[in-house]
Amino acid sequence: MVGLVPATQDSPAFQLPPTPRRHFRPVTSSILEKAFAKLVAAANLAAGFPTLHDLRRGGYTLAFEAGVPRELRQRHGDWHSNADLLYLQPSMEQRLRLPVAMRTLHCRRRT
């Protein structure tokens, strides 16, 4: 990639190559959102859904389901608070693990 889009040490990490009319320009969230919206439209999905934010939320849930520790999920998503928990979308099966585990422990203690 560096060979395709050469840059200086102080250049943004992600940038678009120059064109005859403009120099290098950084890839901004606005550019990403517009490109993603075009992909969504090309896939004949409803406008405005999914969004880049949906990918963030879905990725967090997927990492949770894969058993990735919370500390790594937080670091990957750059969360410094408990806000990452708002992204979690546990399935019904996952939500039912708690009462099942509690029942199992309770039954073991009774015997």
N, C-alpha and C. Protein backbone atom coordinates (compact mmCIF):
# COMPACT_ATOMS: atom_id res chain seq x y z
N MET A 1 0.83 -1.20 0.00
CA MET A 1 0.00 0.00 0.00
C MET A 1 0.87 1.26 0.00
N VAL A 2 1.96 1.22 0.76
CA VAL A 2 2.84 2.37 0.81
C VAL A 2 3.41 2.65 -0.58
N GLY A 3 3.68 1.58 -1.32
CA GLY A 3 4.19 1.78 -2.67
C GLY A 3 3.14 2.37 -3.59
N LEU A 4 1.89 2.04 -3.36
CA LEU A 4 0.81 2.56 -4.19
C LEU A 4 0.48 4.01 -3.85
N VAL A 5 0.50 4.32 -2.56
CA VAL A 5 0.17 5.67 -2.12
C VAL A 5 1.30 6.15 -1.21
N PRO A 6 2.42 6.57 -1.78
CA PRO A 6 3.53 7.00 -0.94
C PRO A 6 3.15 8.23 -0.13
N ALA A 7 3.66 8.30 1.09
CA ALA A 7 3.32 9.41 1.97
C ALA A 7 4.50 9.72 2.88
N THR A 8 4.41 10.87 3.52
CA THR A 8 5.44 11.26 4.48
C THR A 8 5.09 10.70 5.86
N GLN A 9 6.04 10.79 6.79
CA GLN A 9 5.84 10.27 8.14
C GLN A 9 4.68 10.94 8.85
N ASP A 10 4.43 12.22 8.57
CA ASP A 10 3.37 12.94 9.28
C ASP A 10 2.03 12.92 8.53
N SER A 11 1.93 12.12 7.49
CA SER A 11 0.67 12.00 6.74
C SER A 11 -0.34 11.18 7.53
N PRO A 12 -1.64 11.37 7.25
CA PRO A 12 -2.66 10.54 7.90
C PRO A 12 -2.44 9.06 7.56
N ALA A 13 -2.89 8.19 8.45
CA ALA A 13 -2.72 6.75 8.24
C ALA A 13 -3.49 6.27 7.01
N PHE A 14 -4.66 6.83 6.79
CA PHE A 14 -5.50 6.43 5.66
C PHE A 14 -5.75 7.66 4.80
N GLN A 15 -5.37 7.55 3.54
CA GLN A 15 -5.59 8.67 2.63
C GLN A 15 -5.86 8.17 1.22
N LEU A 16 -6.52 9.01 0.47
CA LEU A 16 -6.84 8.68 -0.92
C LEU A 16 -5.71 9.16 -1.81
N PRO A 17 -5.44 8.42 -2.88
CA PRO A 17 -4.36 8.84 -3.78
C PRO A 17 -4.71 10.15 -4.49
N PRO A 18 -3.70 10.85 -4.96
CA PRO A 18 -3.97 12.13 -5.63
C PRO A 18 -4.61 11.90 -7.00
N THR A 19 -5.31 12.91 -7.45
CA THR A 19 -5.87 12.93 -8.80
C THR A 19 -5.24 14.12 -9.51
N PRO A 20 -5.47 14.26 -10.80
CA PRO A 20 -4.90 15.42 -11.50
C PRO A 20 -5.35 16.76 -10.90
N ARG A 21 -6.52 16.76 -10.23
CA ARG A 21 -7.05 18.03 -9.71
C ARG A 21 -6.84 18.24 -8.21
N ARG A 22 -6.45 17.21 -7.48
CA ARG A 22 -6.26 17.40 -6.03
C ARG A 22 -5.14 16.53 -5.51
N HIS A 23 -4.56 16.99 -4.43
CA HIS A 23 -3.46 16.26 -3.78
C HIS A 23 -4.03 15.13 -2.93
N PHE A 24 -3.15 14.47 -2.20
CA PHE A 24 -3.60 13.45 -1.26
C PHE A 24 -4.64 14.06 -0.32
N ARG A 25 -5.60 13.27 0.06
CA ARG A 25 -6.55 13.75 1.07
C ARG A 25 -6.86 12.62 2.03
N PRO A 26 -7.03 12.96 3.31
CA PRO A 26 -7.29 11.93 4.31
C PRO A 26 -8.66 11.30 4.10
N VAL A 27 -8.78 10.04 4.47
CA VAL A 27 -10.08 9.36 4.44
C VAL A 27 -10.79 9.76 5.73
N THR A 28 -11.88 10.49 5.58
CA THR A 28 -12.64 10.96 6.74
C THR A 28 -13.85 10.06 6.97
N SER A 29 -14.50 10.25 8.10
CA SER A 29 -15.71 9.47 8.38
C SER A 29 -16.78 9.79 7.35
N SER A 30 -16.83 11.02 6.89
CA SER A 30 -17.82 11.41 5.88
C SER A 30 -17.59 10.64 4.57
N ILE A 31 -16.34 10.53 4.16
CA ILE A 31 -16.01 9.78 2.94
C ILE A 31 -16.40 8.31 3.10
N LEU A 32 -16.07 7.73 4.26
CA LEU A 32 -16.42 6.33 4.51
C LEU A 32 -17.93 6.12 4.51
N GLU A 33 -18.66 7.04 5.15
CA GLU A 33 -20.12 6.91 5.22
C GLU A 33 -20.75 6.98 3.83
N LYS A 34 -20.27 7.90 3.01
CA LYS A 34 -20.81 8.02 1.65
C LYS A 34 -20.51 6.78 0.82
N ALA A 35 -19.29 6.26 0.92
CA ALA A 35 -18.94 5.05 0.17
C ALA A 35 -19.76 3.86 0.65
N PHE A 36 -19.95 3.77 1.96
CA PHE A 36 -20.74 2.67 2.51
C PHE A 36 -22.20 2.79 2.08
N ALA A 37 -22.73 4.01 2.05
CA ALA A 37 -24.11 4.22 1.61
C ALA A 37 -24.29 3.78 0.16
N LYS A 38 -23.28 4.01 -0.67
CA LYS A 38 -23.35 3.56 -2.07
C LYS A 38 -23.39 2.04 -2.15
N LEU A 39 -22.60 1.37 -1.30
CA LEU A 39 -22.62 -0.10 -1.27
C LEU A 39 -23.98 -0.62 -0.82
N VAL A 40 -24.56 0.04 0.19
CA VAL A 40 -25.88 -0.36 0.69
C VAL A 40 -26.91 -0.20 -0.42
N ALA A 41 -26.86 0.91 -1.14
CA ALA A 41 -27.80 1.15 -2.24
C ALA A 41 -27.60 0.12 -3.35
N ALA A 42 -26.35 -0.19 -3.67
CA ALA A 42 -26.07 -1.17 -4.72
C ALA A 42 -26.57 -2.56 -4.34
N ALA A 43 -26.64 -2.83 -3.04
CA ALA A 43 -27.14 -4.12 -2.56
C ALA A 43 -28.66 -4.11 -2.40
N ASN A 44 -29.30 -3.02 -2.81
CA ASN A 44 -30.76 -2.86 -2.72
C ASN A 44 -31.28 -2.98 -1.30
N LEU A 45 -30.51 -2.47 -0.34
CA LEU A 45 -30.96 -2.43 1.05
C LEU A 45 -31.62 -1.08 1.31
N ALA A 46 -32.43 -1.01 2.34
CA ALA A 46 -33.11 0.24 2.67
C ALA A 46 -32.09 1.34 2.94
N ALA A 47 -32.39 2.54 2.46
CA ALA A 47 -31.48 3.67 2.67
C ALA A 47 -31.30 3.93 4.16
N GLY A 48 -30.08 4.17 4.56
CA GLY A 48 -29.79 4.46 5.95
C GLY A 48 -29.64 3.25 6.84
N PHE A 49 -29.78 2.07 6.26
CA PHE A 49 -29.61 0.86 7.07
C PHE A 49 -29.03 -0.22 6.20
N PRO A 50 -27.97 -0.85 6.52
CA PRO A 50 -27.16 -0.64 7.72
C PRO A 50 -26.24 0.55 7.58
N THR A 51 -25.67 0.97 8.70
CA THR A 51 -24.71 2.07 8.73
C THR A 51 -23.37 1.56 9.24
N LEU A 52 -22.37 2.41 9.16
CA LEU A 52 -21.07 2.04 9.72
C LEU A 52 -21.19 1.77 11.22
N HIS A 53 -22.06 2.51 11.88
CA HIS A 53 -22.26 2.30 13.32
C HIS A 53 -22.85 0.91 13.57
N ASP A 54 -23.73 0.44 12.68
CA ASP A 54 -24.28 -0.92 12.82
C ASP A 54 -23.16 -1.96 12.74
N LEU A 55 -22.17 -1.71 11.89
CA LEU A 55 -21.04 -2.64 11.79
C LEU A 55 -20.25 -2.67 13.09
N ARG A 56 -20.10 -1.51 13.72
CA ARG A 56 -19.38 -1.44 14.99
C ARG A 56 -20.11 -2.24 16.06
N ARG A 57 -21.42 -2.05 16.13
CA ARG A 57 -22.22 -2.77 17.12
C ARG A 57 -22.22 -4.27 16.84
N GLY A 58 -22.41 -4.64 15.58
CA GLY A 58 -22.42 -6.05 15.21
C GLY A 58 -21.07 -6.71 15.44
N GLY A 59 -20.00 -5.98 15.17
CA GLY A 59 -18.66 -6.51 15.40
C GLY A 59 -18.40 -6.76 16.87
N TYR A 60 -18.89 -5.87 17.71
CA TYR A 60 -18.71 -6.04 19.16
C TYR A 60 -19.46 -7.28 19.63
N THR A 61 -20.69 -7.45 19.14
CA THR A 61 -21.48 -8.62 19.52
C THR A 61 -20.83 -9.90 19.01
N LEU A 62 -20.32 -9.87 17.79
CA LEU A 62 -19.65 -11.05 17.22
C LEU A 62 -18.43 -11.42 18.06
N ALA A 63 -17.66 -10.42 18.47
CA ALA A 63 -16.49 -10.69 19.32
C ALA A 63 -16.92 -11.28 20.66
N PHE A 64 -18.03 -10.78 21.21
CA PHE A 64 -18.57 -11.33 22.46
C PHE A 64 -18.94 -12.79 22.27
N GLU A 65 -19.65 -13.09 21.19
CA GLU A 65 -20.08 -14.46 20.92
C GLU A 65 -18.89 -15.39 20.69
N ALA A 66 -17.79 -14.83 20.18
CA ALA A 66 -16.59 -15.63 19.93
C ALA A 66 -15.78 -15.84 21.20
N GLY A 67 -16.23 -15.23 22.29
CA GLY A 67 -15.54 -15.41 23.57
C GLY A 67 -14.34 -14.50 23.77
N VAL A 68 -14.26 -13.43 22.97
CA VAL A 68 -13.16 -12.48 23.14
C VAL A 68 -13.35 -11.74 24.46
N PRO A 69 -12.33 -11.70 25.32
CA PRO A 69 -12.47 -11.02 26.61
C PRO A 69 -12.86 -9.55 26.45
N ARG A 70 -13.63 -9.07 27.41
CA ARG A 70 -14.12 -7.70 27.34
C ARG A 70 -12.98 -6.68 27.22
N GLU A 71 -11.90 -6.90 27.94
CA GLU A 71 -10.78 -5.96 27.90
C GLU A 71 -10.26 -5.79 26.47
N LEU A 72 -10.21 -6.88 25.72
CA LEU A 72 -9.74 -6.79 24.33
C LEU A 72 -10.78 -6.12 23.45
N ARG A 73 -12.07 -6.41 23.69
CA ARG A 73 -13.13 -5.75 22.91
C ARG A 73 -13.11 -4.25 23.16
N GLN A 74 -12.92 -3.86 24.43
CA GLN A 74 -12.86 -2.43 24.76
C GLN A 74 -11.67 -1.76 24.08
N ARG A 75 -10.53 -2.41 24.14
CA ARG A 75 -9.33 -1.81 23.55
C ARG A 75 -9.49 -1.69 22.03
N HIS A 76 -10.04 -2.73 21.40
CA HIS A 76 -10.22 -2.71 19.95
C HIS A 76 -11.16 -1.59 19.53
N GLY A 77 -12.22 -1.37 20.31
CA GLY A 77 -13.19 -0.32 19.98
C GLY A 77 -12.85 1.03 20.56
N ASP A 78 -11.72 1.12 21.29
CA ASP A 78 -11.25 2.36 21.89
C ASP A 78 -12.24 2.92 22.90
N TRP A 79 -12.84 2.04 23.71
CA TRP A 79 -13.75 2.46 24.77
C TRP A 79 -12.97 2.60 26.06
N HIS A 80 -13.18 3.72 26.76
CA HIS A 80 -12.53 3.95 28.05
C HIS A 80 -13.55 4.00 29.18
N SER A 81 -14.78 3.64 28.88
CA SER A 81 -15.84 3.65 29.89
C SER A 81 -16.65 2.37 29.71
N ASN A 82 -17.79 2.31 30.37
CA ASN A 82 -18.68 1.15 30.22
C ASN A 82 -19.61 1.27 29.02
N ALA A 83 -19.41 2.29 28.19
CA ALA A 83 -20.28 2.50 27.03
C ALA A 83 -20.27 1.30 26.09
N ASP A 84 -19.20 0.52 26.11
CA ASP A 84 -19.14 -0.65 25.22
C ASP A 84 -20.27 -1.63 25.51
N LEU A 85 -20.75 -1.65 26.74
CA LEU A 85 -21.82 -2.59 27.09
C LEU A 85 -23.13 -2.27 26.37
N LEU A 86 -23.29 -1.02 25.95
CA LEU A 86 -24.49 -0.63 25.20
C LEU A 86 -24.51 -1.27 23.81
N TYR A 87 -23.35 -1.70 23.33
CA TYR A 87 -23.26 -2.31 22.01
C TYR A 87 -23.60 -3.79 22.02
N LEU A 88 -23.62 -4.37 23.19
CA LEU A 88 -23.82 -5.81 23.31
C LEU A 88 -25.26 -6.19 23.00
N GLN A 89 -25.42 -7.13 22.10
CA GLN A 89 -26.74 -7.63 21.73
C GLN A 89 -26.77 -9.14 21.93
N PRO A 90 -26.85 -9.58 23.20
CA PRO A 90 -26.85 -11.03 23.43
C PRO A 90 -28.12 -11.68 22.89
N SER A 91 -27.96 -12.87 22.34
CA SER A 91 -29.11 -13.62 21.83
C SER A 91 -29.91 -14.16 23.02
N MET A 92 -31.11 -14.64 22.75
CA MET A 92 -31.93 -15.22 23.81
C MET A 92 -31.21 -16.40 24.45
N GLU A 93 -30.55 -17.21 23.63
CA GLU A 93 -29.80 -18.35 24.15
C GLU A 93 -28.73 -17.89 25.13
N GLN A 94 -28.02 -16.82 24.77
CA GLN A 94 -26.99 -16.30 25.66
C GLN A 94 -27.60 -15.72 26.94
N ARG A 95 -28.72 -15.04 26.80
CA ARG A 95 -29.36 -14.45 27.97
C ARG A 95 -29.88 -15.51 28.93
N LEU A 96 -30.25 -16.67 28.39
CA LEU A 96 -30.78 -17.74 29.24
C LEU A 96 -29.68 -18.52 29.96
N ARG A 97 -28.44 -18.31 29.59
CA ARG A 97 -27.34 -19.01 30.27
C ARG A 97 -27.30 -18.69 31.76
N LEU A 98 -27.60 -17.45 32.12
CA LEU A 98 -27.54 -17.05 33.52
C LEU A 98 -28.52 -17.83 34.38
N PRO A 99 -29.83 -17.84 34.08
CA PRO A 99 -30.73 -18.60 34.94
C PRO A 99 -30.44 -20.10 34.92
N VAL A 100 -29.99 -20.63 33.80
CA VAL A 100 -29.65 -22.06 33.74
C VAL A 100 -28.47 -22.35 34.66
N ALA A 101 -27.44 -21.49 34.61
CA ALA A 101 -26.27 -21.68 35.47
C ALA A 101 -26.66 -21.56 36.93
N MET A 102 -27.54 -20.61 37.25
CA MET A 102 -27.98 -20.43 38.64
C MET A 102 -28.76 -21.65 39.12
N ARG A 103 -29.64 -22.16 38.26
CA ARG A 103 -30.43 -23.34 38.61
C ARG A 103 -29.52 -24.54 38.84
N THR A 104 -28.55 -24.73 37.94
CA THR A 104 -27.62 -25.85 38.05
C THR A 104 -26.86 -25.78 39.37
N LEU A 105 -26.36 -24.63 39.71
CA LEU A 105 -25.62 -24.46 40.97
C LEU A 105 -26.53 -24.70 42.17
N HIS A 106 -27.73 -24.17 42.10
CA HIS A 106 -28.69 -24.35 43.19
C HIS A 106 -29.00 -25.83 43.39
N CYS A 107 -29.21 -26.56 42.30
CA CYS A 107 -29.51 -28.00 42.40
C CYS A 107 -28.33 -28.77 42.97
N ARG A 108 -27.11 -28.40 42.59
CA ARG A 108 -25.92 -29.07 43.13
C ARG A 108 -25.80 -28.85 44.63
N ARG A 109 -26.11 -27.66 45.07
CA ARG A 109 -25.99 -27.35 46.50
C ARG A 109 -27.04 -28.06 47.34
N ARG A 110 -28.16 -28.38 46.73
CA ARG A 110 -29.24 -29.05 47.47
C ARG A 110 -28.96 -30.52 47.67
N THR A 111 -28.09 -31.09 46.84
CA THR A 111 -27.84 -32.54 46.95
C THR A 111 -26.60 -32.84 47.75
